[in-house]
Amino acid sequence: MTWIKTVLPQDATGELKEIYEKTKSPHGTYDNVYISKSLRPKAILGHDTLYRGVLHNDDVTLPLWFLELVATYTSVLNDCLYAATHHGHNYRSLLGDEARIAEIDAGMEKDDFSGVFDGKELEFLRYTRKLTKTPGAIIKEDIEAMRAAGADDGEILEVCQCCALFNYSNRSLSGLGVDIGEDRVGFY
């Protein structure tokens, strides 16, 4: 499951046990992404709080399938199979349009979404790529390009936070060798 020692949920006590219970999935399972942090329980809680704040709250205005696509694309760019599998399943389940999914997946495979998206969605994905691959190269004009394509600042923040969260998560997963193992794939 990971290259470092972990404490499995059935063996947890005290604070770790409480945090596992607070962060278990809606299916009642414990995800390997959190189990991998079991030696530092507050890191589990911090990751889960940020995850829920970015993707699962009433303030989010962009379609959830699109934010799940941002998560997936970030994970694909980072070669993080764990998150790309989970969140790829999520975006596909939420979108529910097989023909559209095939177009999007083909664009992701080619790393080129032109012709697949336009307007703010295309700019969001261009920004996601740049923020993932060359974060120090982000400039004010990148923000202005999203605005010119119709995005408001709240939407830009949502994409930025989703991409940033998954860059953190991908590096945490890959850095510890976390695999899918027995995880139930997808949230939905």
C-alpha atoms as a PDB file:
ATOM      1  CA  MET A   1       0.000   0.000   0.000  1.00  0.00           C
ATOM      2  CA  THR A   2       2.908   2.347   0.755  1.00  0.00           C
ATOM      3  CA  TRP A   3       6.663   2.179   1.191  1.00  0.00           C
ATOM      4  CA  ILE A   4       6.569   3.383   4.802  1.00  0.00           C
ATOM      5  CA  LYS A   5       5.054   1.915   7.948  1.00  0.00           C
ATOM      6  CA  THR A   6       1.365   2.699   8.501  1.00  0.00           C
ATOM      7  CA  VAL A   7      -1.222   2.093  11.173  1.00  0.00           C
ATOM      8  CA  LEU A   8      -4.289   0.465   9.676  1.00  0.00           C
ATOM      9  CA  PRO A   9      -7.734   1.670  10.816  1.00  0.00           C
ATOM     10  CA  GLN A  10      -8.463  -1.567  12.692  1.00  0.00           C
ATOM     11  CA  ASP A  11      -5.243  -1.082  14.705  1.00  0.00           C
ATOM     12  CA  ALA A  12      -5.693   2.639  15.401  1.00  0.00           C
ATOM     13  CA  THR A  13      -6.235   4.042  18.874  1.00  0.00           C
ATOM     14  CA  GLY A  14      -6.753   7.458  20.412  1.00  0.00           C
ATOM     15  CA  GLU A  15      -6.427  10.499  18.186  1.00  0.00           C
ATOM     16  CA  LEU A  16      -5.669   8.466  15.043  1.00  0.00           C
ATOM     17  CA  LYS A  17      -8.786   6.352  15.508  1.00  0.00           C
ATOM     18  CA  GLU A  18     -10.909   9.491  15.958  1.00  0.00           C
ATOM     19  CA  ILE A  19      -9.411  11.096  12.841  1.00  0.00           C
ATOM     20  CA  TYR A  20      -9.940   7.956  10.799  1.00  0.00           C
ATOM     21  CA  GLU A  21     -13.607   8.005  11.796  1.00  0.00           C
ATOM     22  CA  LYS A  22     -13.946  11.698  10.863  1.00  0.00           C
ATOM     23  CA  THR A  23     -12.316  11.183   7.462  1.00  0.00           C
ATOM     24  CA  LYS A  24     -13.696   7.870   6.277  1.00  0.00           C
ATOM     25  CA  SER A  25     -15.371   7.869   2.893  1.00  0.00           C
ATOM     26  CA  PRO A  26     -19.128   8.127   2.372  1.00  0.00           C
ATOM     27  CA  HIS A  27     -18.952   4.378   1.692  1.00  0.00           C
ATOM     28  CA  GLY A  28     -17.565   3.789   5.193  1.00  0.00           C
ATOM     29  CA  THR A  29     -14.096   2.876   3.924  1.00  0.00           C
ATOM     30  CA  TYR A  30     -10.667   4.305   4.651  1.00  0.00           C
ATOM     31  CA  ASP A  31      -8.684   5.573   1.677  1.00  0.00           C
ATOM     32  CA  ASN A  32      -5.021   4.721   1.267  1.00  0.00           C
ATOM     33  CA  VAL A  33      -4.233   8.405   0.707  1.00  0.00           C
ATOM     34  CA  TYR A  34      -5.112   8.963   4.381  1.00  0.00           C
ATOM     35  CA  ILE A  35      -3.760   5.683   5.739  1.00  0.00           C
ATOM     36  CA  SER A  36      -0.374   6.639   4.265  1.00  0.00           C
ATOM     37  CA  LYS A  37      -0.309   9.625   6.664  1.00  0.00           C
ATOM     38  CA  SER A  38      -1.180   7.584   9.758  1.00  0.00           C
ATOM     39  CA  LEU A  39       2.116   8.264  11.519  1.00  0.00           C
ATOM     40  CA  ARG A  40       1.109  11.953  11.603  1.00  0.00           C
ATOM     41  CA  PRO A  41      -2.661  11.959  12.202  1.00  0.00           C
ATOM     42  CA  LYS A  42      -3.088  15.729  12.015  1.00  0.00           C
ATOM     43  CA  ALA A  43      -1.799  15.564   8.431  1.00  0.00           C
ATOM     44  CA  ILE A  44      -4.781  13.323   7.601  1.00  0.00           C
ATOM     45  CA  LEU A  45      -7.147  15.842   9.121  1.00  0.00           C
ATOM     46  CA  GLY A  46      -5.474  18.758   7.333  1.00  0.00           C
ATOM     47  CA  HIS A  47      -5.594  17.000   3.961  1.00  0.00           C
ATOM     48  CA  ASP A  48      -9.240  16.033   4.407  1.00  0.00           C
ATOM     49  CA  THR A  49     -10.253  19.524   5.510  1.00  0.00           C
ATOM     50  CA  LEU A  50      -8.603  21.081   2.468  1.00  0.00           C
ATOM     51  CA  TYR A  51     -10.059  18.421   0.137  1.00  0.00           C
ATOM     52  CA  ARG A  52     -13.581  19.016   1.400  1.00  0.00           C
ATOM     53  CA  GLY A  53     -13.124  22.789   1.297  1.00  0.00           C
ATOM     54  CA  VAL A  54     -11.946  22.731  -2.315  1.00  0.00           C
ATOM     55  CA  LEU A  55     -14.323  20.152  -3.795  1.00  0.00           C
ATOM     56  CA  HIS A  56     -17.181  19.389  -1.443  1.00  0.00           C
ATOM     57  CA  ASN A  57     -18.793  22.551  -0.138  1.00  0.00           C
ATOM     58  CA  ASP A  58     -21.698  24.808  -1.053  1.00  0.00           C
ATOM     59  CA  ASP A  59     -19.453  27.717  -2.117  1.00  0.00           C
ATOM     60  CA  VAL A  60     -18.165  25.914  -5.216  1.00  0.00           C
ATOM     61  CA  THR A  61     -19.740  27.406  -8.351  1.00  0.00           C
ATOM     62  CA  LEU A  62     -18.021  25.515 -11.176  1.00  0.00           C
ATOM     63  CA  PRO A  63     -19.594  22.179 -12.100  1.00  0.00           C
ATOM     64  CA  LEU A  64     -18.166  19.476  -9.868  1.00  0.00           C
ATOM     65  CA  TRP A  65     -17.446  17.235 -12.873  1.00  0.00           C
ATOM     66  CA  PHE A  66     -15.181  19.979 -14.240  1.00  0.00           C
ATOM     67  CA  LEU A  67     -13.275  20.383 -10.970  1.00  0.00           C
ATOM     68  CA  GLU A  68     -12.875  16.599 -10.877  1.00  0.00           C
ATOM     69  CA  LEU A  69     -11.481  16.882 -14.418  1.00  0.00           C
ATOM     70  CA  VAL A  70      -8.989  19.508 -13.192  1.00  0.00           C
ATOM     71  CA  ALA A  71      -7.996  17.055 -10.436  1.00  0.00           C
ATOM     72  CA  THR A  72      -7.668  14.254 -12.987  1.00  0.00           C
ATOM     73  CA  TYR A  73      -5.671  16.314 -15.477  1.00  0.00           C
ATOM     74  CA  THR A  74      -3.322  17.532 -12.747  1.00  0.00           C
ATOM     75  CA  SER A  75      -2.812  13.918 -11.677  1.00  0.00           C
ATOM     76  CA  VAL A  76      -2.231  12.742 -15.261  1.00  0.00           C
ATOM     77  CA  LEU A  77       0.355  15.501 -15.754  1.00  0.00           C
ATOM     78  CA  ASN A  78       2.074  14.303 -12.568  1.00  0.00           C
ATOM     79  CA  ASP A  79       1.892  10.599 -13.534  1.00  0.00           C
ATOM     80  CA  CYS A  80      -0.055   9.901 -10.340  1.00  0.00           C
ATOM     81  CA  LEU A  81      -2.059   6.786 -11.153  1.00  0.00           C
ATOM     82  CA  TYR A  82      -3.803   6.705  -7.767  1.00  0.00           C
ATOM     83  CA  ALA A  83      -5.444  10.144  -8.043  1.00  0.00           C
ATOM     84  CA  ALA A  84      -5.924   9.973 -11.825  1.00  0.00           C
ATOM     85  CA  THR A  85      -7.851   6.716 -11.356  1.00  0.00           C
ATOM     86  CA  HIS A  86     -10.009   7.950  -8.479  1.00  0.00           C
ATOM     87  CA  HIS A  87     -10.796  11.392  -9.836  1.00  0.00           C
ATOM     88  CA  GLY A  88     -11.018  10.229 -13.431  1.00  0.00           C
ATOM     89  CA  HIS A  89     -13.771   7.903 -12.272  1.00  0.00           C
ATOM     90  CA  ASN A  90     -15.414  10.830 -10.475  1.00  0.00           C
ATOM     91  CA  TYR A  91     -15.414  13.239 -13.415  1.00  0.00           C
ATOM     92  CA  ARG A  92     -16.713  10.522 -15.751  1.00  0.00           C
ATOM     93  CA  SER A  93     -19.467   9.478 -13.340  1.00  0.00           C
ATOM     94  CA  LEU A  94     -20.586  13.047 -12.753  1.00  0.00           C
ATOM     95  CA  LEU A  95     -20.497  14.018 -16.445  1.00  0.00           C
ATOM     96  CA  GLY A  96     -22.294  10.865 -17.547  1.00  0.00           C
ATOM     97  CA  ASP A  97     -21.963  11.533 -21.300  1.00  0.00           C
ATOM     98  CA  GLU A  98     -19.922   8.754 -22.904  1.00  0.00           C
ATOM     99  CA  ALA A  99     -19.310  10.592 -26.190  1.00  0.00           C
ATOM    100  CA  ARG A 100     -18.144  13.739 -24.381  1.00  0.00           C
ATOM    101  CA  ILE A 101     -15.993  11.691 -22.016  1.00  0.00           C
ATOM    102  CA  ALA A 102     -14.288  10.041 -25.010  1.00  0.00           C
ATOM    103  CA  GLU A 103     -13.505  13.481 -26.500  1.00  0.00           C
ATOM    104  CA  ILE A 104     -12.151  14.774 -23.205  1.00  0.00           C
ATOM    105  CA  ASP A 105     -10.064  11.654 -22.576  1.00  0.00           C
ATOM    106  CA  ALA A 106      -8.608  11.897 -26.104  1.00  0.00           C
ATOM    107  CA  GLY A 107      -7.670  15.532 -25.427  1.00  0.00           C
ATOM    108  CA  MET A 108      -6.073  14.536 -22.126  1.00  0.00           C
ATOM    109  CA  GLU A 109      -4.161  11.731 -23.849  1.00  0.00           C
ATOM    110  CA  LYS A 110      -2.784  14.214 -26.420  1.00  0.00           C
ATOM    111  CA  ASP A 111      -2.331  16.907 -23.757  1.00  0.00           C
ATOM    112  CA  ASP A 112      -4.268  19.252 -26.028  1.00  0.00           C
ATOM    113  CA  PHE A 113      -7.805  20.347 -25.223  1.00  0.00           C
ATOM    114  CA  SER A 114      -8.206  22.748 -28.163  1.00  0.00           C
ATOM    115  CA  GLY A 115     -11.179  21.529 -30.166  1.00  0.00           C
ATOM    116  CA  VAL A 116     -12.477  19.764 -27.044  1.00  0.00           C
ATOM    117  CA  PHE A 117     -13.113  22.872 -24.950  1.00  0.00           C
ATOM    118  CA  ASP A 118     -13.249  26.569 -25.665  1.00  0.00           C
ATOM    119  CA  GLY A 119     -13.732  29.729 -23.641  1.00  0.00           C
ATOM    120  CA  LYS A 120     -13.019  29.701 -19.956  1.00  0.00           C
ATOM    121  CA  GLU A 121     -12.885  25.898 -19.693  1.00  0.00           C
ATOM    122  CA  LEU A 122     -10.023  25.770 -22.208  1.00  0.00           C
ATOM    123  CA  GLU A 123      -8.215  28.577 -20.393  1.00  0.00           C
ATOM    124  CA  PHE A 124      -8.737  26.808 -17.054  1.00  0.00           C
ATOM    125  CA  LEU A 125      -7.091  23.662 -18.426  1.00  0.00           C
ATOM    126  CA  ARG A 126      -4.211  25.629 -19.940  1.00  0.00           C
ATOM    127  CA  TYR A 127      -3.724  27.296 -16.549  1.00  0.00           C
ATOM    128  CA  THR A 128      -3.884  23.901 -14.810  1.00  0.00           C
ATOM    129  CA  ARG A 129      -1.108  22.595 -17.052  1.00  0.00           C
ATOM    130  CA  LYS A 130       1.083  25.625 -16.480  1.00  0.00           C
ATOM    131  CA  LEU A 131       0.487  25.706 -12.715  1.00  0.00           C
ATOM    132  CA  THR A 132       1.363  22.004 -12.514  1.00  0.00           C
ATOM    133  CA  LYS A 133       4.374  21.934 -14.824  1.00  0.00           C
ATOM    134  CA  THR A 134       5.896  25.420 -14.423  1.00  0.00           C
ATOM    135  CA  PRO A 135       4.327  27.160 -11.409  1.00  0.00           C
ATOM    136  CA  GLY A 136       7.032  29.808 -11.259  1.00  0.00           C
ATOM    137  CA  ALA A 137       6.135  30.889 -14.795  1.00  0.00           C
ATOM    138  CA  ILE A 138       2.572  31.920 -13.895  1.00  0.00           C
ATOM    139  CA  ILE A 139       2.086  35.608 -14.672  1.00  0.00           C
ATOM    140  CA  LYS A 140      -0.731  38.114 -14.339  1.00  0.00           C
ATOM    141  CA  GLU A 141      -1.592  37.612 -18.018  1.00  0.00           C
ATOM    142  CA  ASP A 142      -2.562  34.000 -17.253  1.00  0.00           C
ATOM    143  CA  ILE A 143      -5.246  35.291 -14.901  1.00  0.00           C
ATOM    144  CA  GLU A 144      -6.289  37.942 -17.405  1.00  0.00           C
ATOM    145  CA  ALA A 145      -6.651  35.277 -20.127  1.00  0.00           C
ATOM    146  CA  MET A 146      -9.140  33.386 -17.965  1.00  0.00           C
ATOM    147  CA  ARG A 147     -11.056  36.585 -17.215  1.00  0.00           C
ATOM    148  CA  ALA A 148     -11.114  37.534 -20.928  1.00  0.00           C
ATOM    149  CA  ALA A 149     -12.573  34.081 -21.658  1.00  0.00           C
ATOM    150  CA  GLY A 150     -15.464  34.746 -19.256  1.00  0.00           C
ATOM    151  CA  ALA A 151     -14.203  33.466 -15.900  1.00  0.00           C
ATOM    152  CA  ASP A 152     -14.818  35.382 -12.712  1.00  0.00           C
ATOM    153  CA  ASP A 153     -12.249  35.582  -9.931  1.00  0.00           C
ATOM    154  CA  GLY A 154     -14.097  33.073  -7.734  1.00  0.00           C
ATOM    155  CA  GLU A 155     -13.961  30.484 -10.521  1.00  0.00           C
ATOM    156  CA  ILE A 156     -10.272  31.202 -11.079  1.00  0.00           C
ATOM    157  CA  LEU A 157      -9.697  30.639  -7.361  1.00  0.00           C
ATOM    158  CA  GLU A 158     -11.601  27.335  -7.500  1.00  0.00           C
ATOM    159  CA  VAL A 159      -9.433  26.048 -10.367  1.00  0.00           C
ATOM    160  CA  CYS A 160      -6.237  27.287  -8.715  1.00  0.00           C
ATOM    161  CA  GLN A 161      -7.100  25.653  -5.386  1.00  0.00           C
ATOM    162  CA  CYS A 162      -8.132  22.369  -7.022  1.00  0.00           C
ATOM    163  CA  CYS A 163      -4.940  22.207  -9.067  1.00  0.00           C
ATOM    164  CA  ALA A 164      -2.775  23.178  -6.082  1.00  0.00           C
ATOM    165  CA  LEU A 165      -4.477  20.607  -3.832  1.00  0.00           C
ATOM    166  CA  PHE A 166      -3.892  17.823  -6.314  1.00  0.00           C
ATOM    167  CA  ASN A 167      -0.281  18.807  -6.879  1.00  0.00           C
ATOM    168  CA  TYR A 168       0.192  18.403  -3.121  1.00  0.00           C
ATOM    169  CA  SER A 169      -1.780  15.179  -3.031  1.00  0.00           C
ATOM    170  CA  ASN A 170      -0.009  13.705  -6.081  1.00  0.00           C
ATOM    171  CA  ARG A 171       3.398  14.409  -4.598  1.00  0.00           C
ATOM    172  CA  SER A 172       2.383  12.931  -1.273  1.00  0.00           C
ATOM    173  CA  LEU A 173       1.028   9.791  -2.948  1.00  0.00           C
ATOM    174  CA  SER A 174       3.940   9.330  -5.349  1.00  0.00           C
ATOM    175  CA  GLY A 175       6.535  10.243  -2.736  1.00  0.00           C
ATOM    176  CA  LEU A 176       5.376   7.457  -0.441  1.00  0.00           C
ATOM    177  CA  GLY A 177       4.574   4.889  -3.129  1.00  0.00           C
ATOM    178  CA  VAL A 178       0.865   4.755  -2.292  1.00  0.00           C
ATOM    179  CA  ASP A 179      -1.092   2.422  -4.549  1.00  0.00           C
ATOM    180  CA  ILE A 180      -4.808   1.857  -5.002  1.00  0.00           C
ATOM    181  CA  GLY A 181      -4.761  -1.548  -3.357  1.00  0.00           C
ATOM    182  CA  GLU A 182      -8.183  -2.349  -1.917  1.00  0.00           C
ATOM    183  CA  ASP A 183      -9.498   1.224  -2.167  1.00  0.00           C
ATOM    184  CA  ARG A 184     -12.989   1.621  -3.522  1.00  0.00           C
ATOM    185  CA  VAL A 185     -12.362   3.680  -6.655  1.00  0.00           C
ATOM    186  CA  GLY A 186     -14.195   6.981  -6.916  1.00  0.00           C
ATOM    187  CA  PHE A 187     -16.345   9.015  -4.597  1.00  0.00           C
ATOM    188  CA  TYR A 188     -19.572   8.701  -6.595  1.00  0.00           C
END
